[in-house]
N, C-alpha and C. Protein backbone atom coordinates (compact mmCIF):
# COMPACT_ATOMS: atom_id res chain seq x y z
N MET A 1 135.36 104.31 131.23
CA MET A 1 135.21 105.29 130.52
C MET A 1 135.82 105.27 130.04
N SER A 2 136.29 106.14 129.35
CA SER A 2 137.02 107.43 128.29
C SER A 2 136.70 108.10 128.84
N ASP A 3 137.46 109.75 128.74
CA ASP A 3 137.46 111.31 129.17
C ASP A 3 135.98 111.64 128.38
N GLY A 4 136.54 111.29 127.64
CA GLY A 4 135.97 112.27 126.22
C GLY A 4 134.91 111.47 125.83
N ALA A 5 134.17 110.35 126.48
CA ALA A 5 133.09 109.73 126.28
C ALA A 5 131.55 109.27 127.26
N ARG A 6 130.30 110.27 127.00
CA ARG A 6 129.98 110.70 128.29
C ARG A 6 128.43 110.24 127.72
N ARG A 7 127.85 109.57 128.82
CA ARG A 7 126.33 109.22 128.69
C ARG A 7 125.66 109.64 128.08
N ASP A 8 125.50 111.18 128.04
CA ASP A 8 124.13 112.03 127.37
C ASP A 8 123.89 111.39 126.64
N GLY A 9 125.06 112.30 125.60
CA GLY A 9 125.18 112.33 124.48
C GLY A 9 125.93 113.37 123.75
N ALA A 10 126.64 113.88 124.23
CA ALA A 10 126.27 115.08 124.65
C ALA A 10 127.79 115.80 124.40
N GLY A 11 128.20 114.38 123.27
CA GLY A 11 129.27 114.78 123.05
C GLY A 11 129.66 114.67 121.35
N GLU A 12 130.34 114.22 120.47
CA GLU A 12 130.08 114.44 119.23
C GLU A 12 129.22 114.19 118.56
N LEU A 13 128.83 113.04 118.44
CA LEU A 13 127.84 112.20 118.49
C LEU A 13 126.62 112.93 118.08
N ALA A 14 126.12 113.50 118.90
CA ALA A 14 125.06 114.54 119.71
C ALA A 14 124.94 114.82 119.08
N GLY A 15 125.55 116.22 117.62
CA GLY A 15 125.81 117.32 116.64
C GLY A 15 125.89 115.99 115.42
N PHE A 16 125.76 115.20 115.33
CA PHE A 16 125.98 114.13 114.37
C PHE A 16 124.17 113.91 113.84
N LEU A 17 123.52 114.67 112.51
CA LEU A 17 122.60 114.29 112.46
C LEU A 17 122.02 113.11 111.94
N PRO A 18 122.09 112.53 111.18
CA PRO A 18 121.88 110.19 111.11
C PRO A 18 121.89 110.14 112.66
N TYR A 19 122.60 109.96 113.18
CA TYR A 19 122.27 109.28 114.93
C TYR A 19 121.04 110.75 115.39
N GLN A 20 121.57 112.25 115.55
CA GLN A 20 119.81 112.33 115.70
C GLN A 20 118.83 111.85 115.58
N LEU A 21 118.17 111.84 114.06
CA LEU A 21 117.43 111.46 113.49
C LEU A 21 117.18 109.89 113.82
N SER A 22 118.10 108.96 114.40
CA SER A 22 117.12 108.02 114.87
C SER A 22 117.44 107.92 116.57
N VAL A 23 117.73 108.61 116.99
CA VAL A 23 117.66 108.68 118.53
C VAL A 23 115.93 108.53 118.81
N THR A 24 116.30 110.02 117.72
CA THR A 24 114.51 110.32 117.34
C THR A 24 113.25 109.97 116.81
N SER A 25 113.44 109.51 116.15
CA SER A 25 112.96 108.41 115.22
C SER A 25 112.25 107.31 116.31
N ASN A 26 113.77 106.50 116.92
CA ASN A 26 113.42 105.33 118.01
C ASN A 26 112.58 105.61 119.15
N ALA A 27 112.28 107.24 120.18
CA ALA A 27 111.83 107.48 121.17
C ALA A 27 110.22 107.77 120.57
N VAL A 28 110.28 108.37 118.97
CA VAL A 28 108.69 108.67 119.08
C VAL A 28 107.72 107.04 119.13
N SER A 29 109.25 106.70 118.11
CA SER A 29 108.38 104.81 118.04
C SER A 29 108.27 104.58 119.44
N ALA A 30 108.67 104.89 120.65
CA ALA A 30 109.34 104.46 121.98
C ALA A 30 107.17 104.61 122.19
N LEU A 31 106.74 105.64 122.37
CA LEU A 31 105.64 105.83 122.35
C LEU A 31 104.35 106.18 122.00
N ILE A 32 104.81 105.95 120.44
CA ILE A 32 103.60 104.99 120.14
C ILE A 32 103.70 103.89 120.66
N ALA A 33 104.80 102.63 120.19
CA ALA A 33 104.18 101.23 120.34
C ALA A 33 103.51 101.53 121.78
N GLU A 34 103.94 102.41 122.52
CA GLU A 34 103.58 102.27 124.09
C GLU A 34 101.92 102.11 124.30
N ARG A 35 101.75 103.57 123.55
CA ARG A 35 100.22 103.95 123.58
C ARG A 35 99.62 102.50 123.02
N TYR A 36 99.93 101.67 121.77
CA TYR A 36 99.31 100.41 120.43
C TYR A 36 99.84 99.39 121.43
N ARG A 37 100.40 98.94 121.95
CA ARG A 37 100.64 98.13 122.61
C ARG A 37 98.93 97.63 124.16
N LYS A 38 99.42 99.31 124.33
CA LYS A 38 98.76 99.67 125.32
C LYS A 38 96.67 99.19 125.15
N ARG A 39 96.88 99.03 124.07
CA ARG A 39 94.98 99.48 123.61
C ARG A 39 94.51 98.01 122.94
N PHE A 40 95.91 97.76 121.54
CA PHE A 40 95.58 96.84 121.19
C PHE A 40 96.82 95.75 120.62
N GLY A 41 97.73 95.64 121.78
CA GLY A 41 98.56 94.26 121.23
C GLY A 41 98.82 94.68 120.75
N LEU A 42 99.65 96.07 120.25
CA LEU A 42 100.03 95.58 118.21
C LEU A 42 101.93 96.46 119.04
N LYS A 43 102.64 95.68 118.60
CA LYS A 43 104.19 96.24 118.59
C LYS A 43 104.26 97.18 116.86
N ILE A 44 105.41 97.56 117.11
CA ILE A 44 105.00 98.89 116.10
C ILE A 44 105.61 98.11 114.91
N PRO A 45 106.14 97.42 114.45
CA PRO A 45 106.02 96.72 112.72
C PRO A 45 104.14 95.85 111.88
N GLU A 46 103.56 95.64 113.33
CA GLU A 46 102.41 95.00 113.49
C GLU A 46 101.23 96.47 113.41
N TRP A 47 101.35 97.32 113.32
CA TRP A 47 100.57 98.75 112.96
C TRP A 47 101.28 99.45 112.68
N ARG A 48 102.30 99.29 112.23
CA ARG A 48 102.74 100.27 110.20
C ARG A 48 101.51 98.99 109.32
N VAL A 49 102.21 98.26 109.32
CA VAL A 49 101.30 96.52 108.56
C VAL A 49 99.80 96.95 109.46
N ILE A 50 99.40 97.84 109.58
CA ILE A 50 97.68 98.00 109.26
C ILE A 50 98.10 99.22 109.71
N ALA A 51 98.55 100.14 109.65
CA ALA A 51 98.25 101.56 109.13
C ALA A 51 98.40 101.37 107.33
N VAL A 52 99.46 100.50 107.09
CA VAL A 52 99.99 100.60 105.22
C VAL A 52 98.40 100.34 104.78
N LEU A 53 98.70 99.17 104.49
CA LEU A 53 97.20 98.20 104.49
C LEU A 53 95.68 99.41 104.59
N GLY A 54 95.71 99.83 105.78
CA GLY A 54 94.46 100.44 105.52
C GLY A 54 94.08 101.83 104.78
N ASP A 55 95.81 103.03 105.15
CA ASP A 55 95.55 103.28 103.69
C ASP A 55 95.54 102.99 102.38
N SER A 56 96.87 101.83 102.11
CA SER A 56 96.37 101.44 101.07
C SER A 56 95.16 100.35 100.13
N GLY A 57 93.88 100.33 101.51
CA GLY A 57 92.29 99.75 101.29
C GLY A 57 92.57 101.07 100.66
N ALA A 58 91.58 102.30 101.25
CA ALA A 58 90.98 103.07 100.89
C ALA A 58 92.10 104.56 99.62
N SER A 59 93.06 104.01 99.13
CA SER A 59 93.61 104.53 97.56
C SER A 59 94.36 102.66 96.61
N GLY A 60 93.40 102.03 97.17
CA GLY A 60 94.00 100.88 96.43
C GLY A 60 93.37 99.41 95.69
N GLY A 61 93.77 99.17 96.46
CA GLY A 61 92.99 97.86 97.70
C GLY A 61 94.09 96.73 98.72
N PRO A 62 94.13 96.17 98.57
CA PRO A 62 95.15 94.71 98.58
C PRO A 62 96.53 94.67 98.15
N MET A 63 97.32 94.06 99.18
CA MET A 63 98.63 94.21 98.44
C MET A 63 99.42 93.80 98.50
N THR A 64 100.80 93.09 97.81
CA THR A 64 101.65 91.91 97.75
C THR A 64 102.67 91.92 98.71
N GLN A 65 103.20 91.34 99.50
CA GLN A 65 104.13 91.36 100.89
C GLN A 65 105.36 92.71 100.13
N ARG A 66 105.41 92.02 98.86
CA ARG A 66 106.77 93.19 98.32
C ARG A 66 106.66 94.71 98.47
N ALA A 67 104.93 94.93 97.35
CA ALA A 67 104.98 95.89 98.02
C ALA A 67 104.65 96.73 99.90
N LEU A 68 104.59 95.83 100.44
CA LEU A 68 104.14 96.59 101.77
C LEU A 68 105.32 96.01 102.48
N THR A 69 106.47 95.19 101.76
CA THR A 69 107.35 95.63 102.51
C THR A 69 108.42 96.77 101.65
N ALA A 70 108.72 97.26 100.83
CA ALA A 70 108.41 98.41 100.43
C ALA A 70 108.10 100.38 101.09
N ALA A 71 106.61 99.38 101.42
CA ALA A 71 105.83 100.62 102.41
C ALA A 71 106.13 101.05 103.32
N THR A 72 105.97 100.14 103.97
CA THR A 72 106.70 100.03 104.99
C THR A 72 108.24 100.07 105.72
N VAL A 73 108.95 100.07 104.68
CA VAL A 73 109.95 101.00 104.32
C VAL A 73 110.89 99.56 105.95
N MET A 74 110.33 98.65 106.32
CA MET A 74 110.88 97.96 107.49
C MET A 74 111.58 96.54 106.33
N ASP A 75 112.69 96.12 107.22
CA ASP A 75 113.21 94.27 106.59
C ASP A 75 112.54 93.86 106.76
N LYS A 76 112.61 92.76 105.67
CA LYS A 76 111.26 91.62 104.85
C LYS A 76 110.93 90.45 106.33
N VAL A 77 111.90 90.22 106.85
CA VAL A 77 111.51 90.12 107.80
C VAL A 77 110.96 90.37 109.47
N ALA A 78 111.03 91.31 109.26
CA ALA A 78 110.52 92.25 109.75
C ALA A 78 108.81 92.35 109.61
N VAL A 79 108.43 92.60 108.79
CA VAL A 79 107.39 92.14 107.71
C VAL A 79 106.93 90.61 107.63
N ASN A 80 107.09 90.14 106.97
CA ASN A 80 106.98 88.44 107.50
C ASN A 80 106.52 87.98 108.77
N ARG A 81 107.11 88.98 109.82
CA ARG A 81 106.74 88.01 111.70
C ARG A 81 105.06 88.99 111.86
N ALA A 82 105.41 90.17 111.27
CA ALA A 82 104.23 91.29 111.72
C ALA A 82 103.04 90.84 110.70
N VAL A 83 103.30 90.26 109.23
CA VAL A 83 102.64 89.58 108.81
C VAL A 83 101.94 88.23 109.13
N LYS A 84 102.52 87.77 109.46
CA LYS A 84 102.69 86.31 110.09
C LYS A 84 101.16 86.55 112.00
N VAL A 85 101.93 87.16 112.40
CA VAL A 85 100.91 87.59 114.30
C VAL A 85 99.99 88.08 113.96
N LEU A 86 99.67 89.19 113.06
CA LEU A 86 98.07 89.81 112.10
C LEU A 86 97.39 89.12 112.16
N GLU A 87 97.54 88.56 110.59
CA GLU A 87 97.27 86.68 110.43
C GLU A 87 96.47 85.84 110.86
N ASP A 88 97.10 86.01 111.99
CA ASP A 88 96.53 84.64 112.82
C ASP A 88 95.86 85.24 114.42
N ARG A 89 95.56 86.63 114.57
CA ARG A 89 95.49 87.42 115.26
C ARG A 89 93.83 87.79 114.06
N GLY A 90 93.76 87.55 112.84
CA GLY A 90 92.53 87.45 112.04
C GLY A 90 92.47 88.73 111.80
N LEU A 91 93.11 89.76 111.71
CA LEU A 91 93.53 91.19 111.53
C LEU A 91 93.48 91.20 110.07
N ILE A 92 94.39 90.68 109.84
CA ILE A 92 94.85 90.29 108.01
C ILE A 92 94.54 89.30 107.20
N ALA A 93 94.48 88.87 105.99
CA ALA A 93 94.25 88.07 105.82
C ALA A 93 95.00 87.69 104.07
N ARG A 94 95.19 86.58 103.06
CA ARG A 94 95.50 86.65 101.90
C ARG A 94 94.87 86.46 101.44
N VAL A 95 94.65 86.74 100.31
CA VAL A 95 93.78 86.94 98.83
C VAL A 95 94.75 86.11 97.76
N PRO A 96 94.20 85.45 97.50
CA PRO A 96 95.07 85.04 95.82
C PRO A 96 94.65 86.60 94.53
N ASN A 97 96.12 86.16 94.30
CA ASN A 97 96.42 87.75 93.39
C ASN A 97 96.32 86.65 91.67
N PRO A 98 95.98 87.99 91.67
CA PRO A 98 95.29 87.54 89.73
C PRO A 98 95.86 87.74 89.08
N VAL A 99 96.06 88.85 89.26
CA VAL A 99 97.80 88.84 87.55
C VAL A 99 98.21 87.99 88.05
N ASP A 100 99.20 87.32 89.05
CA ASP A 100 100.15 86.79 89.75
C ASP A 100 100.09 85.33 90.27
N GLY A 101 99.42 83.71 89.90
CA GLY A 101 99.36 83.28 90.76
C GLY A 101 100.18 82.73 91.80
N ARG A 102 101.73 83.20 91.33
CA ARG A 102 102.59 82.34 92.69
C ARG A 102 102.74 83.33 93.82
N SER A 103 102.14 84.55 93.99
CA SER A 103 101.85 85.26 94.80
C SER A 103 100.20 85.19 95.27
N HIS A 104 100.34 86.45 96.46
CA HIS A 104 99.40 86.14 97.06
C HIS A 104 98.91 88.21 97.50
N LEU A 105 97.75 88.53 97.94
CA LEU A 105 97.53 89.41 98.04
C LEU A 105 97.08 89.62 100.29
N LEU A 106 96.68 91.00 100.10
CA LEU A 106 97.18 91.18 101.92
C LEU A 106 96.36 92.20 102.01
N ALA A 107 95.16 92.68 103.12
CA ALA A 107 94.38 92.90 103.29
C ALA A 107 94.19 92.61 104.87
N LEU A 108 93.60 94.01 105.04
CA LEU A 108 92.79 94.20 106.32
C LEU A 108 91.38 92.92 105.84
N THR A 109 91.17 92.83 107.22
CA THR A 109 90.04 92.17 107.60
C THR A 109 88.80 92.56 108.05
N ASP A 110 87.61 92.53 108.41
CA ASP A 110 86.56 93.67 108.67
C ASP A 110 86.81 94.12 110.33
N GLU A 111 87.37 92.88 110.86
CA GLU A 111 88.38 93.14 112.30
C GLU A 111 89.11 94.29 111.94
N GLY A 112 90.53 93.69 111.28
CA GLY A 112 91.88 94.63 111.19
C GLY A 112 90.84 95.91 110.51
N THR A 113 90.01 96.51 110.06
CA THR A 113 89.34 97.34 109.21
C THR A 113 88.64 98.30 109.98
N ALA A 114 88.41 96.97 111.22
CA ALA A 114 88.15 98.43 112.35
C ALA A 114 89.18 98.83 113.27
N ILE A 115 90.06 98.26 114.00
CA ILE A 115 91.48 98.55 114.54
C ILE A 115 92.42 99.93 113.83
N HIS A 116 92.10 99.60 112.47
CA HIS A 116 93.00 100.93 111.71
C HIS A 116 92.14 101.95 111.42
N ALA A 117 90.61 101.97 112.04
CA ALA A 117 89.72 103.37 112.11
C ALA A 117 89.78 103.73 113.30
N GLU A 118 90.49 102.92 114.17
CA GLU A 118 91.12 103.70 116.05
C GLU A 118 92.46 104.01 115.50
N VAL A 119 92.78 102.55 115.50
CA VAL A 119 94.70 103.35 115.07
C VAL A 119 95.14 105.39 113.78
N MET A 120 94.58 105.21 113.46
CA MET A 120 95.22 106.49 113.25
C MET A 120 94.27 107.72 113.96
N PRO A 121 92.87 107.94 114.10
CA PRO A 121 92.94 108.95 115.00
C PRO A 121 93.82 109.62 116.37
N LEU A 122 94.13 108.36 116.76
CA LEU A 122 95.40 107.69 118.26
C LEU A 122 96.55 108.46 117.34
N ALA A 123 96.76 107.61 116.66
CA ALA A 123 98.18 108.22 115.83
C ALA A 123 98.41 109.56 115.67
N ARG A 124 97.68 110.26 114.86
CA ARG A 124 97.25 111.35 114.99
C ARG A 124 97.09 112.89 116.09
N ALA A 125 96.44 111.98 117.92
CA ALA A 125 96.37 112.43 118.20
C ALA A 125 97.97 112.40 118.87
N THR A 126 98.60 111.09 119.26
CA THR A 126 100.56 111.94 119.02
C THR A 126 101.08 112.50 118.68
N GLU A 127 101.04 112.31 117.15
CA GLU A 127 101.39 113.45 116.45
C GLU A 127 101.81 115.36 116.65
N ALA A 128 99.79 114.96 117.27
CA ALA A 128 99.32 116.71 117.80
C ALA A 128 100.13 116.67 119.47
N ASP A 129 100.16 115.76 119.75
CA ASP A 129 101.17 116.30 121.15
C ASP A 129 102.91 116.14 121.04
N LEU A 130 103.22 115.54 119.98
CA LEU A 130 104.21 115.75 119.20
C LEU A 130 104.92 117.16 119.35
N LEU A 131 103.52 117.92 118.13
CA LEU A 131 104.05 118.62 117.15
C LEU A 131 103.65 120.02 118.48
N GLY A 132 102.68 120.07 119.55
CA GLY A 132 102.05 120.96 119.89
C GLY A 132 102.82 121.84 120.21
N GLY A 133 104.02 121.71 120.37
CA GLY A 133 104.74 123.15 121.50
C GLY A 133 105.25 124.08 119.80
N LEU A 134 105.51 123.09 119.06
CA LEU A 134 105.54 124.12 117.79
C LEU A 134 104.92 124.76 117.05
N ALA A 135 105.18 125.84 116.73
CA ALA A 135 104.53 127.45 116.09
C ALA A 135 103.95 126.65 114.65
N PRO A 136 103.10 127.07 113.81
CA PRO A 136 102.30 126.23 112.50
C PRO A 136 103.52 126.57 111.46
N ALA A 137 104.20 127.31 111.36
CA ALA A 137 105.05 127.72 110.12
C ALA A 137 107.10 126.29 110.68
N ASP A 138 107.07 126.81 112.41
CA ASP A 138 107.89 125.15 112.34
C ASP A 138 107.07 124.36 111.58
N GLU A 139 106.40 124.22 111.86
CA GLU A 139 106.18 122.54 111.74
C GLU A 139 105.98 122.26 110.06
N ALA A 140 105.86 123.70 109.68
CA ALA A 140 105.78 122.99 108.25
C ALA A 140 106.99 123.28 107.55
N LEU A 141 107.55 123.96 108.39
CA LEU A 141 108.58 123.49 108.27
C LEU A 141 109.92 121.91 108.18
N LEU A 142 109.59 122.40 109.63
CA LEU A 142 110.28 120.72 109.91
C LEU A 142 109.85 119.09 108.72
N ARG A 143 108.39 119.52 108.33
CA ARG A 143 107.96 118.93 107.89
C ARG A 143 108.27 118.86 106.05
N ARG A 144 108.75 119.93 106.02
CA ARG A 144 110.04 120.06 103.86
C ARG A 144 110.93 119.90 104.65
N LEU A 145 111.34 120.24 105.87
CA LEU A 145 113.40 119.64 105.50
C LEU A 145 112.73 118.48 106.06
N LEU A 146 111.91 117.65 106.30
CA LEU A 146 111.95 115.54 106.70
C LEU A 146 111.85 115.12 105.69
N ALA A 147 110.95 115.82 104.90
CA ALA A 147 110.57 115.45 102.69
C ALA A 147 111.74 115.48 102.29
N ASP A 148 112.55 117.05 102.32
CA ASP A 148 114.77 117.18 101.80
C ASP A 148 114.94 116.26 101.73
N LEU A 149 115.38 116.03 103.00
CA LEU A 149 116.16 114.80 103.74
C LEU A 149 115.97 113.90 103.06
N ARG A 150 114.68 112.81 103.68
CA ARG A 150 115.12 111.73 103.47
C ARG A 150 114.89 111.74 101.47
N GLU A 151 114.68 112.19 100.45
CA GLU A 151 113.93 112.46 99.07
C GLU A 151 115.80 112.42 98.96
N ARG A 152 116.85 113.38 99.33
CA ARG A 152 118.47 113.09 99.26
C ARG A 152 118.59 112.38 100.00
N ALA A 153 118.63 111.48 100.35
CA ALA A 153 118.83 110.31 100.71
C ALA A 153 118.56 109.33 100.22
N MET A 154 117.36 109.10 99.24
CA MET A 154 117.32 108.15 98.83
C MET A 154 117.80 108.27 97.85
N ARG A 155 118.01 109.33 96.95
CA ARG A 155 118.60 109.82 95.35
C ARG A 155 120.07 109.54 96.19
N LEU A 156 120.82 109.98 97.27
CA LEU A 156 122.01 109.42 97.31
C LEU A 156 122.73 108.07 97.44
N ALA A 157 121.69 107.72 98.02
CA ALA A 157 121.44 105.62 98.03
C ALA A 157 121.55 104.91 96.58
N GLU A 158 120.95 105.81 95.04
CA GLU A 158 120.85 105.03 94.02
C GLU A 158 121.80 104.56 93.03
N PRO A 159 121.58 103.14 92.76
CA PRO A 159 123.29 102.70 92.65
C PRO A 159 123.79 103.92 91.70
N ARG A 160 125.36 104.44 91.19
CA ARG A 160 125.64 105.29 90.40
C ARG A 160 126.35 104.54 88.44
């Protein structure tokens, strides 16, 4: 290892915002994944699919796999794998798409809905654990800054 490369991330990379965001996201995801794996036997992509389908059920019902991929902000292959696992476990089901006979809609089954009802309070508790050391004003600022960064990144990614 060179003199400039350090294992603790205290070099130049540690101050690079995209790196900080990625490392933070991975740490939070690992925490959540461990809690969900122990309790529900779910991996990160699977609980994300359940969370999104559960939210869509409250606001609009079943969704296409393409819409699910966009909503989860995950790779198409990861969504395909998660959907297959969840279908095999009986947590989600495919139903015919009345608008487009070439595709199907995905929806939570009763068992999937029951897990969603347990997952979301656990997710909120994990969020509270993470944010517990922040003052309410700091939490609000963090949420606003993250939303601003996400919006700016999406704008910058648009084709010109």
